[in-house]
Amino acid sequence: MGKKSSDLNKAGVEELSNDKPVLYKILNSKDENIYTGVAKRGRVTDRLKEHLPGAKDAVRGGKKVVIVQKPSITDAEKSESRIIKNSQPSQNIKGK
């Protein structure tokens, strides 16, 4: 499946694919994963905009986003769970 990255800003988010479920990682200026999440097909752009500064679910220090398209939301959720368990991104809240 496709993998793509862009700056974590409105213009960058709008250029990302929205046609498949995705796993996404938000990276800081040191390219460290600070947040991992998933978005359903058709909602990728909207979900990522929720992480921009000033938004309801903003990720502090996020500079770049990397998405990996998945065949299903279930596959994306399995990858998300594994990544959070292994790398413990600083802004993922446990139990959420």
C-alpha atoms as a PDB file:
ATOM      1  CA  MET A   1       0.000   0.000   0.000  1.00  0.00           C
ATOM      2  CA  GLY A   2       1.061   3.605  -0.457  1.00  0.00           C
ATOM      3  CA  LYS A   3       3.201   5.598   1.949  1.00  0.00           C
ATOM      4  CA  LYS A   4       3.486   9.374   1.816  1.00  0.00           C
ATOM      5  CA  SER A   5       4.624  12.234   4.006  1.00  0.00           C
ATOM      6  CA  SER A   6       3.995  15.963   4.152  1.00  0.00           C
ATOM      7  CA  ASP A   7       4.313  18.930   6.463  1.00  0.00           C
ATOM      8  CA  LEU A   8       1.767  19.000   9.267  1.00  0.00           C
ATOM      9  CA  ASN A   9      -0.118  22.074   8.119  1.00  0.00           C
ATOM     10  CA  LYS A  10      -3.372  22.676   6.270  1.00  0.00           C
ATOM     11  CA  ALA A  11      -1.790  22.690   2.791  1.00  0.00           C
ATOM     12  CA  GLY A  12       0.286  19.581   3.484  1.00  0.00           C
ATOM     13  CA  VAL A  13      -2.633  17.632   4.923  1.00  0.00           C
ATOM     14  CA  GLU A  14      -4.885  18.491   1.983  1.00  0.00           C
ATOM     15  CA  GLU A  15      -2.465  16.927  -0.513  1.00  0.00           C
ATOM     16  CA  LEU A  16      -2.549  13.485   1.162  1.00  0.00           C
ATOM     17  CA  SER A  17      -4.637  10.590  -0.151  1.00  0.00           C
ATOM     18  CA  ASN A  18      -8.099  10.225   1.315  1.00  0.00           C
ATOM     19  CA  ASP A  19      -9.344   7.149  -0.562  1.00  0.00           C
ATOM     20  CA  LYS A  20      -8.191   4.346   1.791  1.00  0.00           C
ATOM     21  CA  PRO A  21      -7.915   3.867   5.561  1.00  0.00           C
ATOM     22  CA  VAL A  22      -4.535   4.997   6.880  1.00  0.00           C
ATOM     23  CA  LEU A  23      -2.166   4.592   9.762  1.00  0.00           C
ATOM     24  CA  TYR A  24      -0.440   7.892  10.437  1.00  0.00           C
ATOM     25  CA  LYS A  25       2.490   9.053  12.507  1.00  0.00           C
ATOM     26  CA  ILE A  26       3.081  12.645  13.521  1.00  0.00           C
ATOM     27  CA  LEU A  27       6.753  13.477  13.809  1.00  0.00           C
ATOM     28  CA  ASN A  28       8.528  16.328  15.572  1.00  0.00           C
ATOM     29  CA  SER A  29      11.417  18.426  14.215  1.00  0.00           C
ATOM     30  CA  LYS A  30      13.838  15.562  15.060  1.00  0.00           C
ATOM     31  CA  ASP A  31      11.716  13.071  13.045  1.00  0.00           C
ATOM     32  CA  GLU A  32      10.679  11.315  16.275  1.00  0.00           C
ATOM     33  CA  ASN A  33       7.220   9.732  16.326  1.00  0.00           C
ATOM     34  CA  ILE A  34       5.213  11.714  18.893  1.00  0.00           C
ATOM     35  CA  TYR A  35       1.699  10.497  17.953  1.00  0.00           C
ATOM     36  CA  THR A  36       0.294   7.520  16.065  1.00  0.00           C
ATOM     37  CA  GLY A  37      -3.304   7.216  14.909  1.00  0.00           C
ATOM     38  CA  VAL A  38      -5.681   5.884  12.274  1.00  0.00           C
ATOM     39  CA  ALA A  39      -8.217   7.482   9.975  1.00  0.00           C
ATOM     40  CA  LYS A  40     -11.047   5.899   8.039  1.00  0.00           C
ATOM     41  CA  ARG A  41     -11.359   6.104   4.272  1.00  0.00           C
ATOM     42  CA  GLY A  42     -12.786   9.483   3.318  1.00  0.00           C
ATOM     43  CA  ARG A  43     -11.840  11.042   6.658  1.00  0.00           C
ATOM     44  CA  VAL A  44      -8.042  11.221   6.454  1.00  0.00           C
ATOM     45  CA  THR A  45      -7.851  14.954   5.733  1.00  0.00           C
ATOM     46  CA  ASP A  46     -10.439  15.842   8.372  1.00  0.00           C
ATOM     47  CA  ARG A  47      -8.781  13.710  11.049  1.00  0.00           C
ATOM     48  CA  LEU A  48      -5.337  15.165  10.409  1.00  0.00           C
ATOM     49  CA  LYS A  49      -6.715  18.721  10.507  1.00  0.00           C
ATOM     50  CA  GLU A  50      -7.943  17.916  14.025  1.00  0.00           C
ATOM     51  CA  HIS A  51      -4.257  17.652  15.033  1.00  0.00           C
ATOM     52  CA  LEU A  52      -3.202  21.081  13.717  1.00  0.00           C
ATOM     53  CA  PRO A  53      -2.346  23.866  16.217  1.00  0.00           C
ATOM     54  CA  GLY A  54      -5.475  25.364  17.723  1.00  0.00           C
ATOM     55  CA  ALA A  55      -7.649  22.379  16.779  1.00  0.00           C
ATOM     56  CA  LYS A  56      -9.573  20.248  19.281  1.00  0.00           C
ATOM     57  CA  ASP A  57      -7.039  17.391  19.247  1.00  0.00           C
ATOM     58  CA  ALA A  58      -3.840  19.344  18.501  1.00  0.00           C
ATOM     59  CA  VAL A  59      -0.501  17.516  18.688  1.00  0.00           C
ATOM     60  CA  ARG A  60       2.075  19.819  20.277  1.00  0.00           C
ATOM     61  CA  GLY A  61       5.363  19.931  18.391  1.00  0.00           C
ATOM     62  CA  GLY A  62       4.114  18.106  15.312  1.00  0.00           C
ATOM     63  CA  LYS A  63       6.005  19.138  12.171  1.00  0.00           C
ATOM     64  CA  LYS A  64       5.453  16.312   9.698  1.00  0.00           C
ATOM     65  CA  VAL A  65       2.939  13.544   9.090  1.00  0.00           C
ATOM     66  CA  VAL A  66       3.598  10.168   7.471  1.00  0.00           C
ATOM     67  CA  ILE A  67       0.661   8.075   6.271  1.00  0.00           C
ATOM     68  CA  VAL A  68       0.585   4.433   5.240  1.00  0.00           C
ATOM     69  CA  GLN A  69      -2.511   3.291   3.363  1.00  0.00           C
ATOM     70  CA  LYS A  70      -4.034   0.049   4.620  1.00  0.00           C
ATOM     71  CA  PRO A  71      -6.538  -2.336   3.003  1.00  0.00           C
ATOM     72  CA  SER A  72      -8.962  -1.957   5.935  1.00  0.00           C
ATOM     73  CA  ILE A  73      -9.476   0.072   9.104  1.00  0.00           C
ATOM     74  CA  THR A  74      -8.948  -3.158  11.069  1.00  0.00           C
ATOM     75  CA  ASP A  75      -5.470  -3.547   9.564  1.00  0.00           C
ATOM     76  CA  ALA A  76      -4.720   0.097  10.388  1.00  0.00           C
ATOM     77  CA  GLU A  77      -5.875  -0.364  13.994  1.00  0.00           C
ATOM     78  CA  LYS A  78      -3.714  -3.478  14.442  1.00  0.00           C
ATOM     79  CA  SER A  79      -0.643  -1.585  13.190  1.00  0.00           C
ATOM     80  CA  GLU A  80      -1.501   1.390  15.405  1.00  0.00           C
ATOM     81  CA  SER A  81      -1.735  -0.800  18.493  1.00  0.00           C
ATOM     82  CA  ARG A  82       1.602  -2.479  17.762  1.00  0.00           C
ATOM     83  CA  ILE A  83       3.410   0.814  17.118  1.00  0.00           C
ATOM     84  CA  ILE A  84       2.025   2.476  20.247  1.00  0.00           C
ATOM     85  CA  LYS A  85       2.986  -0.549  22.358  1.00  0.00           C
ATOM     86  CA  ASN A  86       6.521  -0.703  20.942  1.00  0.00           C
ATOM     87  CA  SER A  87       7.459   2.970  20.603  1.00  0.00           C
ATOM     88  CA  GLN A  88       5.151   4.655  23.156  1.00  0.00           C
ATOM     89  CA  PRO A  89       4.762   8.001  21.352  1.00  0.00           C
ATOM     90  CA  SER A  90       4.790  10.830  23.904  1.00  0.00           C
ATOM     91  CA  GLN A  91       1.377  12.235  22.989  1.00  0.00           C
ATOM     92  CA  ASN A  92      -0.654   9.041  22.698  1.00  0.00           C
ATOM     93  CA  ILE A  93      -2.846   8.857  25.799  1.00  0.00           C
ATOM     94  CA  LYS A  94      -3.083   5.375  27.291  1.00  0.00           C
ATOM     95  CA  GLY A  95      -6.532   3.843  27.295  1.00  0.00           C
ATOM     96  CA  LYS A  96      -7.977   6.327  24.836  1.00  0.00           C
END
